Amino acid sequence: MSETDISDYIAQNPRMAGVLFTICLLLTQTGNASAAILGTHGGP
């Protein structure tokens, strides 16, 4: 799949651009939350 195919698909389905943006936003937030949880150590 080339870059023009993807841009044509997004142009024909503008709602999918919002869906892709939301998925990227959720993945970013999940990564930050898991890093914050795993970054603390209660051990010696």
N, C-alpha and C. Protein backbone atom coordinates (compact mmCIF):
# COMPACT_ATOMS: atom_id res chain seq x y z
N MET A 1 0.84 -1.17 0.00
CA MET A 1 0.00 0.00 0.00
C MET A 1 0.89 1.24 0.00
N SER A 2 0.72 2.08 -0.98
CA SER A 2 1.56 3.27 -1.07
C SER A 2 0.95 4.44 -0.30
N GLU A 3 1.73 5.49 -0.18
CA GLU A 3 1.28 6.67 0.56
C GLU A 3 0.08 7.33 -0.10
N THR A 4 0.03 7.30 -1.44
CA THR A 4 -1.10 7.92 -2.13
C THR A 4 -2.38 7.13 -1.91
N ASP A 5 -2.25 5.80 -1.79
CA ASP A 5 -3.43 4.98 -1.52
C ASP A 5 -4.03 5.33 -0.16
N ILE A 6 -3.16 5.50 0.83
CA ILE A 6 -3.64 5.83 2.17
C ILE A 6 -4.25 7.22 2.19
N SER A 7 -3.61 8.18 1.56
CA SER A 7 -4.15 9.54 1.56
C SER A 7 -5.46 9.61 0.78
N ASP A 8 -5.59 8.83 -0.29
CA ASP A 8 -6.85 8.79 -1.03
C ASP A 8 -7.97 8.18 -0.18
N TYR A 9 -7.63 7.13 0.57
CA TYR A 9 -8.62 6.49 1.43
C TYR A 9 -9.10 7.45 2.52
N ILE A 10 -8.17 8.19 3.13
CA ILE A 10 -8.54 9.15 4.18
C ILE A 10 -9.37 10.28 3.57
N ALA A 11 -9.03 10.69 2.36
CA ALA A 11 -9.79 11.76 1.71
C ALA A 11 -11.22 11.32 1.40
N GLN A 12 -11.40 10.05 1.06
CA GLN A 12 -12.73 9.55 0.76
C GLN A 12 -13.52 9.21 2.02
N ASN A 13 -12.83 8.94 3.13
CA ASN A 13 -13.48 8.60 4.40
C ASN A 13 -12.95 9.52 5.50
N PRO A 14 -13.45 10.75 5.58
CA PRO A 14 -12.89 11.70 6.55
C PRO A 14 -13.12 11.30 8.00
N ARG A 15 -14.14 10.50 8.25
CA ARG A 15 -14.39 10.07 9.62
C ARG A 15 -13.28 9.15 10.12
N MET A 16 -12.65 8.42 9.19
CA MET A 16 -11.57 7.51 9.57
C MET A 16 -10.36 8.29 10.07
N ALA A 17 -10.16 9.51 9.61
CA ALA A 17 -9.04 10.33 10.10
C ALA A 17 -9.21 10.59 11.59
N GLY A 18 -10.43 10.86 12.02
CA GLY A 18 -10.69 11.06 13.45
C GLY A 18 -10.49 9.79 14.25
N VAL A 19 -10.88 8.66 13.68
CA VAL A 19 -10.70 7.37 14.35
C VAL A 19 -9.21 7.07 14.52
N LEU A 20 -8.43 7.28 13.47
CA LEU A 20 -6.99 7.02 13.55
C LEU A 20 -6.32 7.95 14.55
N PHE A 21 -6.74 9.20 14.59
CA PHE A 21 -6.18 10.15 15.54
C PHE A 21 -6.50 9.73 16.97
N THR A 22 -7.74 9.30 17.21
CA THR A 22 -8.14 8.86 18.54
C THR A 22 -7.36 7.63 18.98
N ILE A 23 -7.15 6.69 18.07
CA ILE A 23 -6.38 5.49 18.40
C ILE A 23 -4.94 5.88 18.77
N CYS A 24 -4.34 6.77 18.01
CA CYS A 24 -2.97 7.21 18.32
C CYS A 24 -2.92 7.92 19.66
N LEU A 25 -3.93 8.73 19.96
CA LEU A 25 -3.98 9.44 21.23
C LEU A 25 -4.10 8.46 22.39
N LEU A 26 -4.96 7.46 22.26
CA LEU A 26 -5.13 6.47 23.32
C LEU A 26 -3.86 5.64 23.53
N LEU A 27 -3.19 5.28 22.44
CA LEU A 27 -1.94 4.53 22.58
C LEU A 27 -0.87 5.36 23.27
N THR A 28 -0.82 6.64 22.99
CA THR A 28 0.14 7.52 23.64
C THR A 28 -0.14 7.61 25.13
N GLN A 29 -1.40 7.78 25.50
CA GLN A 29 -1.76 7.89 26.91
C GLN A 29 -1.50 6.58 27.64
N THR A 30 -1.76 5.47 27.01
CA THR A 30 -1.52 4.16 27.63
C THR A 30 -0.03 3.94 27.87
N GLY A 31 0.78 4.33 26.91
CA GLY A 31 2.22 4.20 27.07
C GLY A 31 2.74 5.04 28.22
N ASN A 32 2.25 6.27 28.34
CA ASN A 32 2.69 7.14 29.43
C ASN A 32 2.24 6.59 30.78
N ALA A 33 1.03 6.07 30.86
CA ALA A 33 0.52 5.54 32.13
C ALA A 33 1.30 4.29 32.54
N SER A 34 1.57 3.41 31.60
CA SER A 34 2.32 2.20 31.96
C SER A 34 3.76 2.54 32.34
N ALA A 35 4.36 3.54 31.72
CA ALA A 35 5.71 3.94 32.10
C ALA A 35 5.72 4.53 33.50
N ALA A 36 4.68 5.27 33.86
CA ALA A 36 4.61 5.85 35.19
C ALA A 36 4.42 4.76 36.25
N ILE A 37 3.65 3.76 35.94
CA ILE A 37 3.40 2.67 36.90
C ILE A 37 4.64 1.80 37.04
N LEU A 38 5.26 1.45 35.93
CA LEU A 38 6.42 0.56 35.96
C LEU A 38 7.70 1.30 36.35
N GLY A 39 7.68 2.61 36.35
CA GLY A 39 8.87 3.38 36.66
C GLY A 39 9.16 3.50 38.15
N THR A 40 8.22 3.14 39.00
CA THR A 40 8.44 3.25 40.45
C THR A 40 8.80 1.88 41.02
N HIS A 41 9.76 1.88 41.90
CA HIS A 41 10.19 0.64 42.54
C HIS A 41 10.04 0.80 44.05
N GLY A 42 9.43 -0.17 44.69
CA GLY A 42 9.28 -0.12 46.13
C GLY A 42 10.33 -0.93 46.85
N GLY A 43 11.23 -1.51 46.11
CA GLY A 43 12.24 -2.38 46.71
C GLY A 43 13.42 -1.62 47.27
N PRO A 44 14.39 -2.34 47.79
CA PRO A 44 15.58 -1.71 48.41
C PRO A 44 16.47 -1.02 47.42
